[in-house]
Amino acid sequence: MADSVKLNKEIFNVEVSSHELVKLAYDAYLANSRSSHAKTLKRGEVRGGGKKPWRQKGTGRARFGSTRNPIWRHGGVAFGRTGNENFTKNLSTAAKRTAIRQALSLKNQAKAVNIVKDFTPKGAKTTEAVKFLEANKAKGNTILVVADKTPEIIRATSNIPTLLVVRSTYLNVFDTMNADTILITESAIPAIDEWLGGVK
């Protein structure tokens, strides 16, 4: 752990009286990641059903004009998915940044946030990334926050399923709350301070 850099109290030691905003940001992340691929066929799109199943009167049965009526088996679906649903949820920029500060503060209070020296893997080897995580006592799902995702860092960490490498300004509430360990490199701290420290 690096001792030369301190965590900004306005970002990592915010009093969180309610988790409502954090939950809103968490749900918004999931909703905005959701895509709409499901589509059902309406009665006009189902194949067949052009012929009237039986005559209008005289059979004793209810009148029907098509076998593709939604109440029939293999018929169309009423009020089904169209494939154009919009699940996005919008939060203001100030609300998003406040939620991230609250999430980082909660993790810091749980002693899950550590400042570490910059990660420079030799030869972009995965073994170097594993040694780095072990040296910094990373446990479980880990976020490594860096100032810049270099090709060497990406190559060295891409095969570690429990490690997520993010740039300092791409932190989000979802990944933060799901992380067991958050490692922030020294060079990433100034960017986080500039990004989150100025928003009240």
N, C-alpha and C. Protein backbone atom coordinates (compact mmCIF):
# COMPACT_ATOMS: atom_id res chain seq x y z
N MET A 1 0.85 -1.21 0.00
CA MET A 1 0.00 0.00 0.00
C MET A 1 0.87 1.24 0.00
N ALA A 2 0.46 2.24 -0.76
CA ALA A 2 1.23 3.49 -0.84
C ALA A 2 0.80 4.42 0.28
N ASP A 3 1.80 5.01 0.93
CA ASP A 3 1.53 5.90 2.06
C ASP A 3 1.67 7.37 1.70
N SER A 4 2.21 7.65 0.51
CA SER A 4 2.50 9.04 0.15
C SER A 4 1.26 9.81 -0.32
N VAL A 5 0.19 9.11 -0.62
CA VAL A 5 -1.02 9.74 -1.14
C VAL A 5 -2.18 9.47 -0.19
N LYS A 6 -2.95 10.51 0.07
CA LYS A 6 -4.08 10.38 0.99
C LYS A 6 -5.39 10.40 0.20
N LEU A 7 -6.40 9.77 0.75
CA LEU A 7 -7.72 9.78 0.14
C LEU A 7 -8.45 11.08 0.49
N ASN A 8 -9.11 11.64 -0.49
CA ASN A 8 -9.87 12.88 -0.29
C ASN A 8 -11.12 12.59 0.54
N LYS A 9 -11.25 13.26 1.67
CA LYS A 9 -12.38 13.02 2.56
C LYS A 9 -13.72 13.41 1.92
N GLU A 10 -13.69 14.37 0.99
CA GLU A 10 -14.93 14.79 0.33
C GLU A 10 -15.44 13.73 -0.65
N ILE A 11 -14.60 12.74 -0.95
CA ILE A 11 -14.99 11.68 -1.88
C ILE A 11 -15.10 10.33 -1.17
N PHE A 12 -14.17 10.05 -0.28
CA PHE A 12 -14.09 8.72 0.32
C PHE A 12 -14.55 8.68 1.78
N ASN A 13 -15.00 9.81 2.30
CA ASN A 13 -15.48 9.81 3.69
C ASN A 13 -16.74 10.67 3.81
N VAL A 14 -17.67 10.45 2.88
CA VAL A 14 -18.92 11.19 2.87
C VAL A 14 -19.92 10.49 3.80
N GLU A 15 -20.65 11.27 4.56
CA GLU A 15 -21.66 10.68 5.43
C GLU A 15 -22.86 10.25 4.58
N VAL A 16 -23.22 8.97 4.67
CA VAL A 16 -24.32 8.42 3.89
C VAL A 16 -25.47 8.11 4.84
N SER A 17 -26.42 9.03 4.93
CA SER A 17 -27.55 8.84 5.83
C SER A 17 -28.63 7.94 5.23
N SER A 18 -28.67 7.90 3.90
CA SER A 18 -29.65 7.06 3.20
C SER A 18 -28.98 6.44 1.98
N HIS A 19 -29.36 5.20 1.69
CA HIS A 19 -28.80 4.50 0.53
C HIS A 19 -29.69 4.64 -0.70
N GLU A 20 -30.67 5.52 -0.65
CA GLU A 20 -31.64 5.64 -1.73
C GLU A 20 -30.98 6.05 -3.04
N LEU A 21 -30.10 7.04 -2.99
CA LEU A 21 -29.46 7.52 -4.22
C LEU A 21 -28.54 6.46 -4.80
N VAL A 22 -27.84 5.74 -3.93
CA VAL A 22 -26.96 4.67 -4.40
C VAL A 22 -27.79 3.60 -5.12
N LYS A 23 -28.94 3.27 -4.56
CA LYS A 23 -29.80 2.27 -5.19
C LYS A 23 -30.34 2.76 -6.52
N LEU A 24 -30.71 4.04 -6.59
CA LEU A 24 -31.20 4.60 -7.85
C LEU A 24 -30.14 4.51 -8.93
N ALA A 25 -28.91 4.85 -8.59
CA ALA A 25 -27.81 4.79 -9.55
C ALA A 25 -27.50 3.35 -9.94
N TYR A 26 -27.60 2.43 -8.97
CA TYR A 26 -27.35 1.01 -9.22
C TYR A 26 -28.40 0.47 -10.20
N ASP A 27 -29.66 0.77 -9.93
CA ASP A 27 -30.75 0.31 -10.80
C ASP A 27 -30.67 0.95 -12.19
N ALA A 28 -30.27 2.22 -12.23
CA ALA A 28 -30.15 2.91 -13.52
C ALA A 28 -29.05 2.28 -14.37
N TYR A 29 -27.96 1.87 -13.74
CA TYR A 29 -26.88 1.20 -14.49
C TYR A 29 -27.39 -0.08 -15.14
N LEU A 30 -28.13 -0.89 -14.36
CA LEU A 30 -28.66 -2.14 -14.90
C LEU A 30 -29.69 -1.87 -16.00
N ALA A 31 -30.56 -0.88 -15.77
CA ALA A 31 -31.58 -0.58 -16.76
C ALA A 31 -30.97 -0.07 -18.06
N ASN A 32 -29.95 0.75 -17.96
CA ASN A 32 -29.32 1.31 -19.16
C ASN A 32 -28.47 0.28 -19.89
N SER A 33 -28.13 -0.81 -19.22
CA SER A 33 -27.38 -1.89 -19.87
C SER A 33 -28.31 -2.90 -20.53
N ARG A 34 -29.60 -2.76 -20.30
CA ARG A 34 -30.58 -3.72 -20.79
C ARG A 34 -30.94 -3.43 -22.24
N SER A 35 -30.97 -4.46 -23.05
CA SER A 35 -31.34 -4.30 -24.45
C SER A 35 -32.69 -4.95 -24.70
N SER A 36 -33.39 -4.49 -25.72
CA SER A 36 -34.72 -4.99 -26.03
C SER A 36 -34.67 -5.82 -27.31
N HIS A 37 -34.56 -7.15 -27.14
CA HIS A 37 -34.51 -8.04 -28.30
C HIS A 37 -35.79 -8.87 -28.43
N ALA A 38 -36.51 -9.06 -27.33
CA ALA A 38 -37.70 -9.90 -27.37
C ALA A 38 -38.79 -9.24 -28.20
N LYS A 39 -39.43 -10.05 -29.03
CA LYS A 39 -40.52 -9.55 -29.87
C LYS A 39 -41.54 -10.65 -30.06
N THR A 40 -42.80 -10.32 -29.85
CA THR A 40 -43.88 -11.29 -30.06
C THR A 40 -44.66 -10.92 -31.31
N LEU A 41 -45.37 -11.90 -31.86
CA LEU A 41 -46.15 -11.67 -33.08
C LEU A 41 -47.58 -11.27 -32.72
N LYS A 42 -48.03 -10.20 -33.33
CA LYS A 42 -49.41 -9.79 -33.18
C LYS A 42 -50.30 -10.65 -34.09
N ARG A 43 -51.61 -10.51 -33.93
CA ARG A 43 -52.51 -11.36 -34.71
C ARG A 43 -52.36 -11.13 -36.21
N GLY A 44 -51.94 -9.93 -36.59
CA GLY A 44 -51.74 -9.65 -38.00
C GLY A 44 -50.42 -10.16 -38.53
N GLU A 45 -49.54 -10.63 -37.65
CA GLU A 45 -48.22 -11.11 -38.07
C GLU A 45 -48.09 -12.63 -38.01
N VAL A 46 -49.06 -13.29 -37.36
CA VAL A 46 -49.01 -14.74 -37.27
C VAL A 46 -49.41 -15.35 -38.60
N ARG A 47 -48.71 -16.40 -39.00
CA ARG A 47 -49.00 -17.03 -40.28
C ARG A 47 -50.35 -17.76 -40.24
N GLY A 48 -51.10 -17.65 -41.32
CA GLY A 48 -52.39 -18.35 -41.44
C GLY A 48 -53.52 -17.55 -40.85
N GLY A 49 -54.64 -18.23 -40.66
CA GLY A 49 -55.79 -17.60 -40.03
C GLY A 49 -56.62 -16.75 -40.96
N GLY A 50 -56.41 -16.87 -42.27
CA GLY A 50 -57.17 -16.04 -43.20
C GLY A 50 -58.60 -16.52 -43.41
N LYS A 51 -58.80 -17.79 -43.19
CA LYS A 51 -60.14 -18.36 -43.42
C LYS A 51 -60.94 -18.36 -42.13
N LYS A 52 -62.19 -18.02 -42.23
CA LYS A 52 -63.08 -18.05 -41.07
C LYS A 52 -63.24 -19.51 -40.64
N PRO A 53 -63.00 -19.83 -39.34
CA PRO A 53 -63.00 -21.24 -38.92
C PRO A 53 -64.34 -21.95 -39.08
N TRP A 54 -65.41 -21.28 -38.91
CA TRP A 54 -66.75 -21.83 -39.17
C TRP A 54 -67.70 -20.69 -39.48
N ARG A 55 -68.85 -21.04 -39.98
CA ARG A 55 -69.78 -20.00 -40.40
C ARG A 55 -70.28 -19.21 -39.19
N GLN A 56 -70.78 -18.03 -39.49
CA GLN A 56 -71.14 -17.08 -38.44
C GLN A 56 -72.28 -17.60 -37.56
N LYS A 57 -73.29 -18.19 -38.15
CA LYS A 57 -74.48 -18.61 -37.39
C LYS A 57 -74.79 -20.08 -37.63
N GLY A 58 -75.54 -20.63 -36.68
CA GLY A 58 -76.09 -21.96 -36.88
C GLY A 58 -75.28 -23.10 -36.29
N THR A 59 -74.10 -22.86 -35.78
CA THR A 59 -73.28 -23.96 -35.24
C THR A 59 -73.45 -24.11 -33.73
N GLY A 60 -73.95 -23.07 -33.06
CA GLY A 60 -74.06 -23.10 -31.60
C GLY A 60 -72.79 -22.66 -30.90
N ARG A 61 -71.76 -22.43 -31.68
CA ARG A 61 -70.49 -21.98 -31.10
C ARG A 61 -70.34 -20.47 -31.22
N ALA A 62 -69.39 -19.94 -30.44
CA ALA A 62 -69.15 -18.49 -30.51
C ALA A 62 -68.61 -18.12 -31.88
N ARG A 63 -68.94 -16.93 -32.33
CA ARG A 63 -68.50 -16.48 -33.65
C ARG A 63 -67.01 -16.11 -33.61
N PHE A 64 -66.29 -16.53 -34.64
CA PHE A 64 -64.86 -16.20 -34.77
C PHE A 64 -64.56 -15.92 -36.22
N GLY A 65 -63.69 -14.96 -36.41
CA GLY A 65 -63.31 -14.61 -37.78
C GLY A 65 -61.95 -15.14 -38.16
N SER A 66 -61.13 -15.53 -37.15
CA SER A 66 -59.77 -15.98 -37.46
C SER A 66 -59.26 -16.87 -36.35
N THR A 67 -58.46 -17.86 -36.72
CA THR A 67 -57.83 -18.74 -35.72
C THR A 67 -56.62 -18.06 -35.08
N ARG A 68 -56.27 -16.89 -35.55
CA ARG A 68 -55.12 -16.17 -34.99
C ARG A 68 -55.55 -15.14 -33.96
N ASN A 69 -56.78 -15.24 -33.51
CA ASN A 69 -57.26 -14.39 -32.42
C ASN A 69 -56.39 -14.63 -31.17
N PRO A 70 -56.04 -13.60 -30.42
CA PRO A 70 -55.15 -13.77 -29.25
C PRO A 70 -55.64 -14.78 -28.22
N ILE A 71 -56.94 -15.06 -28.16
CA ILE A 71 -57.41 -16.00 -27.14
C ILE A 71 -57.33 -17.45 -27.62
N TRP A 72 -56.91 -17.65 -28.86
CA TRP A 72 -56.75 -19.00 -29.40
C TRP A 72 -55.31 -19.46 -29.23
N ARG A 73 -55.15 -20.76 -29.08
CA ARG A 73 -53.81 -21.36 -29.06
C ARG A 73 -53.16 -21.13 -30.42
N HIS A 74 -51.89 -20.78 -30.40
CA HIS A 74 -51.10 -20.44 -31.59
C HIS A 74 -51.57 -19.13 -32.23
N GLY A 75 -52.40 -18.39 -31.52
CA GLY A 75 -52.83 -17.11 -32.04
C GLY A 75 -51.81 -16.02 -31.74
N GLY A 76 -52.13 -14.80 -32.13
CA GLY A 76 -51.23 -13.68 -31.87
C GLY A 76 -51.20 -13.33 -30.39
N VAL A 77 -50.26 -12.51 -30.01
CA VAL A 77 -50.10 -12.09 -28.62
C VAL A 77 -50.57 -10.64 -28.49
N ALA A 78 -51.47 -10.42 -27.57
CA ALA A 78 -51.97 -9.07 -27.34
C ALA A 78 -51.06 -8.34 -26.35
N PHE A 79 -50.68 -7.12 -26.68
CA PHE A 79 -49.86 -6.28 -25.81
C PHE A 79 -48.50 -6.92 -25.49
N GLY A 80 -47.96 -7.66 -26.44
CA GLY A 80 -46.66 -8.31 -26.25
C GLY A 80 -45.50 -7.37 -26.53
N ARG A 81 -44.29 -7.90 -26.38
CA ARG A 81 -43.09 -7.11 -26.64
C ARG A 81 -42.99 -6.76 -28.12
N THR A 82 -42.57 -5.55 -28.40
CA THR A 82 -42.43 -5.09 -29.78
C THR A 82 -40.98 -5.04 -30.24
N GLY A 83 -40.04 -5.11 -29.28
CA GLY A 83 -38.63 -4.98 -29.62
C GLY A 83 -38.15 -3.54 -29.60
N ASN A 84 -39.06 -2.61 -29.30
CA ASN A 84 -38.70 -1.19 -29.26
C ASN A 84 -38.82 -0.59 -27.87
N GLU A 85 -38.90 -1.44 -26.85
CA GLU A 85 -39.05 -0.94 -25.49
C GLU A 85 -37.81 -0.15 -25.06
N ASN A 86 -38.05 0.88 -24.31
CA ASN A 86 -36.97 1.72 -23.79
C ASN A 86 -36.93 1.58 -22.28
N PHE A 87 -35.85 0.96 -21.77
CA PHE A 87 -35.74 0.70 -20.35
C PHE A 87 -34.82 1.70 -19.63
N THR A 88 -34.33 2.69 -20.33
CA THR A 88 -33.33 3.59 -19.75
C THR A 88 -33.91 4.42 -18.61
N LYS A 89 -33.04 4.68 -17.64
CA LYS A 89 -33.39 5.56 -16.53
C LYS A 89 -32.35 6.66 -16.45
N ASN A 90 -32.79 7.88 -16.34
CA ASN A 90 -31.88 9.02 -16.38
C ASN A 90 -31.67 9.60 -14.99
N LEU A 91 -30.40 9.86 -14.68
CA LEU A 91 -30.02 10.58 -13.47
C LEU A 91 -29.17 11.77 -13.88
N SER A 92 -29.29 12.85 -13.16
CA SER A 92 -28.47 14.01 -13.49
C SER A 92 -27.00 13.71 -13.20
N THR A 93 -26.12 14.47 -13.83
CA THR A 93 -24.69 14.27 -13.63
C THR A 93 -24.31 14.46 -12.17
N ALA A 94 -24.88 15.47 -11.54
CA ALA A 94 -24.59 15.71 -10.13
C ALA A 94 -25.04 14.54 -9.26
N ALA A 95 -26.21 13.98 -9.57
CA ALA A 95 -26.72 12.84 -8.79
C ALA A 95 -25.84 11.62 -8.98
N LYS A 96 -25.39 11.37 -10.21
CA LYS A 96 -24.52 10.23 -10.47
C LYS A 96 -23.21 10.34 -9.69
N ARG A 97 -22.61 11.53 -9.70
CA ARG A 97 -21.33 11.71 -9.02
C ARG A 97 -21.49 11.65 -7.50
N THR A 98 -22.61 12.16 -7.01
CA THR A 98 -22.88 12.05 -5.57
C THR A 98 -23.03 10.59 -5.18
N ALA A 99 -23.72 9.81 -6.02
CA ALA A 99 -23.91 8.39 -5.75
C ALA A 99 -22.58 7.65 -5.76
N ILE A 100 -21.69 8.00 -6.67
CA ILE A 100 -20.38 7.35 -6.72
C ILE A 100 -19.57 7.69 -5.48
N ARG A 101 -19.63 8.96 -5.05
CA ARG A 101 -18.92 9.34 -3.82
C ARG A 101 -19.47 8.58 -2.62
N GLN A 102 -20.78 8.41 -2.56
CA GLN A 102 -21.38 7.67 -1.45
C GLN A 102 -20.95 6.20 -1.50
N ALA A 103 -20.93 5.61 -2.70
CA ALA A 103 -20.53 4.21 -2.83
C ALA A 103 -19.07 4.03 -2.44
N LEU A 104 -18.20 4.94 -2.87
CA LEU A 104 -16.78 4.85 -2.49
C LEU A 104 -16.61 5.04 -0.99
N SER A 105 -17.40 5.91 -0.40
CA SER A 105 -17.32 6.13 1.04
C SER A 105 -17.75 4.89 1.81
N LEU A 106 -18.81 4.24 1.34
CA LEU A 106 -19.26 3.01 2.00
C LEU A 106 -18.20 1.92 1.92
N LYS A 107 -17.55 1.81 0.78
CA LYS A 107 -16.50 0.81 0.63
C LYS A 107 -15.27 1.17 1.45
N ASN A 108 -14.97 2.46 1.54
CA ASN A 108 -13.83 2.89 2.34
C ASN A 108 -14.09 2.63 3.82
N GLN A 109 -15.31 2.88 4.26
CA GLN A 109 -15.67 2.60 5.65
C GLN A 109 -15.59 1.11 5.97
N ALA A 110 -15.82 0.29 4.94
CA ALA A 110 -15.70 -1.16 5.10
C ALA A 110 -14.26 -1.63 4.93
N LYS A 111 -13.33 -0.68 4.78
CA LYS A 111 -11.89 -0.97 4.63
C LYS A 111 -11.61 -1.82 3.39
N ALA A 112 -12.32 -1.51 2.33
CA ALA A 112 -12.13 -2.24 1.08
C ALA A 112 -11.36 -1.42 0.04
N VAL A 113 -11.02 -0.17 0.39
CA VAL A 113 -10.33 0.72 -0.55
C VAL A 113 -8.87 0.89 -0.13
N ASN A 114 -7.95 0.67 -1.05
CA ASN A 114 -6.53 0.83 -0.77
C ASN A 114 -5.85 1.60 -1.90
N ILE A 115 -4.92 2.46 -1.54
CA ILE A 115 -4.09 3.14 -2.53
C ILE A 115 -2.83 2.31 -2.74
N VAL A 116 -2.51 2.06 -4.00
CA VAL A 116 -1.35 1.22 -4.31
C VAL A 116 -0.45 1.94 -5.30
N LYS A 117 0.76 1.47 -5.41
CA LYS A 117 1.69 2.03 -6.38
C LYS A 117 1.23 1.67 -7.78
N ASP A 118 1.67 2.46 -8.75
CA ASP A 118 1.25 2.24 -10.13
C ASP A 118 1.65 0.85 -10.61
N PHE A 119 0.76 0.25 -11.39
CA PHE A 119 0.96 -1.10 -11.88
C PHE A 119 1.60 -1.05 -13.26
N THR A 120 2.82 -1.55 -13.35
CA THR A 120 3.54 -1.57 -14.62
C THR A 120 4.04 -2.99 -14.86
N PRO A 121 3.22 -3.85 -15.46
CA PRO A 121 3.59 -5.26 -15.65
C PRO A 121 4.74 -5.42 -16.63
N LYS A 122 5.73 -6.18 -16.23
CA LYS A 122 6.87 -6.44 -17.11
C LYS A 122 6.48 -7.48 -18.16
N GLY A 123 6.64 -7.11 -19.42
CA GLY A 123 6.32 -8.05 -20.48
C GLY A 123 4.85 -8.34 -20.63
N ALA A 124 4.01 -7.56 -19.95
CA ALA A 124 2.55 -7.73 -20.01
C ALA A 124 2.14 -9.15 -19.64
N LYS A 125 2.79 -9.71 -18.63
CA LYS A 125 2.52 -11.08 -18.21
C LYS A 125 1.40 -11.14 -17.17
N THR A 126 0.56 -12.16 -17.29
CA THR A 126 -0.52 -12.36 -16.32
C THR A 126 0.04 -12.66 -14.94
N THR A 127 1.18 -13.37 -14.90
CA THR A 127 1.80 -13.69 -13.61
C THR A 127 2.19 -12.43 -12.85
N GLU A 128 2.56 -11.38 -13.57
CA GLU A 128 2.90 -10.12 -12.92
C GLU A 128 1.66 -9.51 -12.27
N ALA A 129 0.51 -9.61 -12.94
CA ALA A 129 -0.73 -9.09 -12.39
C ALA A 129 -1.15 -9.89 -11.15
N VAL A 130 -0.96 -11.20 -11.20
CA VAL A 130 -1.31 -12.05 -10.05
C VAL A 130 -0.43 -11.70 -8.85
N LYS A 131 0.85 -11.51 -9.09
CA LYS A 131 1.76 -11.14 -8.01
C LYS A 131 1.39 -9.78 -7.43
N PHE A 132 1.00 -8.86 -8.29
CA PHE A 132 0.60 -7.53 -7.85
C PHE A 132 -0.63 -7.61 -6.94
N LEU A 133 -1.60 -8.41 -7.31
CA LEU A 133 -2.81 -8.56 -6.50
C LEU A 133 -2.49 -9.24 -5.17
N GLU A 134 -1.64 -10.25 -5.19
CA GLU A 134 -1.27 -10.94 -3.95
C GLU A 134 -0.50 -10.02 -3.02
N ALA A 135 0.40 -9.20 -3.59
CA ALA A 135 1.19 -8.29 -2.78
C ALA A 135 0.32 -7.23 -2.10
N ASN A 136 -0.79 -6.89 -2.74
CA ASN A 136 -1.70 -5.87 -2.18
C ASN A 136 -2.91 -6.48 -1.48
N LYS A 137 -2.86 -7.79 -1.25
CA LYS A 137 -3.88 -8.52 -0.47
C LYS A 137 -5.29 -8.32 -1.04
N ALA A 138 -5.38 -8.40 -2.35
CA ALA A 138 -6.69 -8.29 -3.01
C ALA A 138 -7.45 -9.60 -2.83
N LYS A 139 -8.71 -9.47 -2.43
CA LYS A 139 -9.54 -10.65 -2.20
C LYS A 139 -10.86 -10.51 -2.95
N GLY A 140 -11.35 -11.64 -3.48
CA GLY A 140 -12.65 -11.64 -4.14
C GLY A 140 -12.65 -10.79 -5.40
N ASN A 141 -13.81 -10.24 -5.73
CA ASN A 141 -13.92 -9.38 -6.90
C ASN A 141 -13.17 -8.07 -6.65
N THR A 142 -12.25 -7.78 -7.53
CA THR A 142 -11.34 -6.64 -7.32
C THR A 142 -11.44 -5.65 -8.47
N ILE A 143 -11.45 -4.37 -8.12
CA ILE A 143 -11.37 -3.30 -9.12
C ILE A 143 -10.00 -2.65 -9.01
N LEU A 144 -9.32 -2.56 -10.12
CA LEU A 144 -8.05 -1.84 -10.17
C LEU A 144 -8.28 -0.54 -10.93
N VAL A 145 -8.16 0.57 -10.23
CA VAL A 145 -8.41 1.88 -10.84
C VAL A 145 -7.08 2.47 -11.29
N VAL A 146 -6.97 2.74 -12.57
CA VAL A 146 -5.72 3.25 -13.13
C VAL A 146 -5.98 4.57 -13.83
N ALA A 147 -4.90 5.34 -14.04
CA ALA A 147 -5.03 6.60 -14.75
C ALA A 147 -5.22 6.37 -16.23
N ASP A 148 -4.60 5.30 -16.76
CA ASP A 148 -4.70 5.00 -18.18
C ASP A 148 -4.57 3.50 -18.39
N LYS A 149 -5.49 2.94 -19.17
CA LYS A 149 -5.44 1.51 -19.47
C LYS A 149 -4.51 1.28 -20.66
N THR A 150 -3.27 0.98 -20.36
CA THR A 150 -2.28 0.75 -21.41
C THR A 150 -2.46 -0.65 -21.99
N PRO A 151 -1.97 -0.89 -23.20
CA PRO A 151 -2.07 -2.24 -23.79
C PRO A 151 -1.42 -3.30 -22.91
N GLU A 152 -0.34 -2.92 -22.21
CA GLU A 152 0.34 -3.88 -21.33
C GLU A 152 -0.55 -4.28 -20.15
N ILE A 153 -1.22 -3.30 -19.57
CA ILE A 153 -2.12 -3.58 -18.44
C ILE A 153 -3.30 -4.43 -18.90
N ILE A 154 -3.87 -4.10 -20.04
CA ILE A 154 -5.00 -4.86 -20.56
C ILE A 154 -4.61 -6.31 -20.82
N ARG A 155 -3.46 -6.51 -21.42
CA ARG A 155 -3.02 -7.87 -21.74
C ARG A 155 -2.70 -8.66 -20.48
N ALA A 156 -2.11 -8.01 -19.50
CA ALA A 156 -1.71 -8.71 -18.28
C ALA A 156 -2.90 -9.08 -17.40
N THR A 157 -4.01 -8.35 -17.52
CA THR A 157 -5.14 -8.57 -16.61
C THR A 157 -6.36 -9.21 -17.27
N SER A 158 -6.35 -9.36 -18.58
CA SER A 158 -7.56 -9.81 -19.28
C SER A 158 -7.95 -11.24 -18.94
N ASN A 159 -7.03 -12.06 -18.47
CA ASN A 159 -7.33 -13.46 -18.18
C ASN A 159 -7.59 -13.71 -16.70
N ILE A 160 -7.79 -12.66 -15.92
CA ILE A 160 -8.10 -12.82 -14.50
C ILE A 160 -9.59 -12.50 -14.32
N PRO A 161 -10.43 -13.51 -14.13
CA PRO A 161 -11.89 -13.28 -14.12
C PRO A 161 -12.39 -12.44 -12.95
N THR A 162 -11.66 -12.42 -11.85
CA THR A 162 -12.12 -11.66 -10.67
C THR A 162 -11.59 -10.24 -10.64
N LEU A 163 -10.89 -9.82 -11.68
CA LEU A 163 -10.29 -8.48 -11.71
C LEU A 163 -10.91 -7.64 -12.81
N LEU A 164 -11.30 -6.43 -12.44
CA LEU A 164 -11.81 -5.46 -13.40
C LEU A 164 -10.93 -4.23 -13.36
N VAL A 165 -10.37 -3.87 -14.50
CA VAL A 165 -9.52 -2.68 -14.60
C VAL A 165 -10.31 -1.55 -15.22
N VAL A 166 -10.38 -0.42 -14.55
CA VAL A 166 -11.14 0.73 -15.06
C VAL A 166 -10.29 1.99 -14.95
N ARG A 167 -10.54 2.91 -15.85
CA ARG A 167 -9.92 4.22 -15.75
C ARG A 167 -10.61 5.00 -14.63
N SER A 168 -9.90 5.94 -14.06
CA SER A 168 -10.38 6.65 -12.88
C SER A 168 -11.72 7.34 -13.09
N THR A 169 -11.95 7.87 -14.29
CA THR A 169 -13.19 8.60 -14.55
C THR A 169 -14.32 7.70 -15.07
N TYR A 170 -14.10 6.38 -15.06
CA TYR A 170 -15.13 5.45 -15.52
C TYR A 170 -15.66 4.59 -14.38
N LEU A 171 -15.41 5.02 -13.16
CA LEU A 171 -15.98 4.30 -12.01
C LEU A 171 -17.50 4.45 -12.02
N ASN A 172 -18.18 3.42 -11.59
CA ASN A 172 -19.63 3.49 -11.49
C ASN A 172 -20.10 2.80 -10.22
N VAL A 173 -21.33 3.07 -9.83
CA VAL A 173 -21.88 2.55 -8.58
C VAL A 173 -22.01 1.03 -8.62
N PHE A 174 -22.42 0.48 -9.76
CA PHE A 174 -22.64 -0.96 -9.87
C PHE A 174 -21.36 -1.75 -9.58
N ASP A 175 -20.28 -1.42 -10.28
CA ASP A 175 -19.02 -2.14 -10.08
C ASP A 175 -18.45 -1.88 -8.69
N THR A 176 -18.59 -0.65 -8.22
CA THR A 176 -18.06 -0.29 -6.90
C THR A 176 -18.73 -1.09 -5.79
N MET A 177 -20.06 -1.16 -5.82
CA MET A 177 -20.78 -1.87 -4.77
C MET A 177 -20.59 -3.38 -4.84
N ASN A 178 -20.29 -3.91 -6.02
CA ASN A 178 -20.10 -5.36 -6.17
C ASN A 178 -18.66 -5.80 -5.92
N ALA A 179 -17.77 -4.84 -5.69
CA ALA A 179 -16.36 -5.18 -5.48
C ALA A 179 -16.08 -5.52 -4.02
N ASP A 180 -15.23 -6.50 -3.83
CA ASP A 180 -14.76 -6.85 -2.49
C ASP A 180 -13.50 -6.05 -2.12
N THR A 181 -12.73 -5.71 -3.14
CA THR A 181 -11.50 -4.94 -2.95
C THR A 181 -11.39 -3.90 -4.05
N ILE A 182 -11.04 -2.67 -3.68
CA ILE A 182 -10.82 -1.61 -4.66
C ILE A 182 -9.40 -1.09 -4.49
N LEU A 183 -8.59 -1.29 -5.51
CA LEU A 183 -7.21 -0.82 -5.51
C LEU A 183 -7.12 0.39 -6.43
N ILE A 184 -6.68 1.52 -5.86
CA ILE A 184 -6.56 2.75 -6.64
C ILE A 184 -5.09 3.12 -6.73
N THR A 185 -4.58 3.23 -7.95
CA THR A 185 -3.18 3.56 -8.12
C THR A 185 -2.94 5.03 -7.80
N GLU A 186 -1.71 5.34 -7.43
CA GLU A 186 -1.35 6.71 -7.04
C GLU A 186 -1.63 7.70 -8.16
N SER A 187 -1.35 7.31 -9.41
CA SER A 187 -1.53 8.23 -10.53
C SER A 187 -3.00 8.48 -10.85
N ALA A 188 -3.90 7.62 -10.36
CA ALA A 188 -5.32 7.78 -10.64
C ALA A 188 -6.00 8.73 -9.65
N ILE A 189 -5.38 8.97 -8.51
CA ILE A 189 -5.98 9.81 -7.48
C ILE A 189 -6.26 11.24 -7.95
N PRO A 190 -5.30 11.93 -8.61
CA PRO A 190 -5.58 13.31 -9.05
C PRO A 190 -6.78 13.40 -9.99
N ALA A 191 -6.93 12.43 -10.89
CA ALA A 191 -8.06 12.45 -11.81
C ALA A 191 -9.38 12.26 -11.08
N ILE A 192 -9.38 11.39 -10.05
CA ILE A 192 -10.60 11.17 -9.26
C ILE A 192 -10.94 12.43 -8.47
N ASP A 193 -9.92 13.09 -7.90
CA ASP A 193 -10.15 14.32 -7.15
C ASP A 193 -10.73 15.41 -8.06
N GLU A 194 -10.21 15.50 -9.27
CA GLU A 194 -10.69 16.53 -10.20
C GLU A 194 -12.11 16.21 -10.67
N TRP A 195 -12.40 14.92 -10.86
CA TRP A 195 -13.69 14.49 -11.39
C TRP A 195 -14.80 14.57 -10.35
N LEU A 196 -14.52 14.11 -9.12
CA LEU A 196 -15.54 14.01 -8.10
C LEU A 196 -15.43 15.05 -6.98
N GLY A 197 -14.25 15.60 -6.81
CA GLY A 197 -14.05 16.50 -5.69
C GLY A 197 -14.69 17.86 -5.86
N GLY A 198 -14.91 18.30 -7.10
CA GLY A 198 -15.44 19.63 -7.32
C GLY A 198 -16.95 19.71 -7.34
N VAL A 199 -17.66 18.56 -7.30
CA VAL A 199 -19.12 18.56 -7.38
C VAL A 199 -19.69 18.50 -5.98
N LYS A 200 -20.53 19.46 -5.64
CA LYS A 200 -21.12 19.51 -4.30
C LYS A 200 -22.56 19.02 -4.34
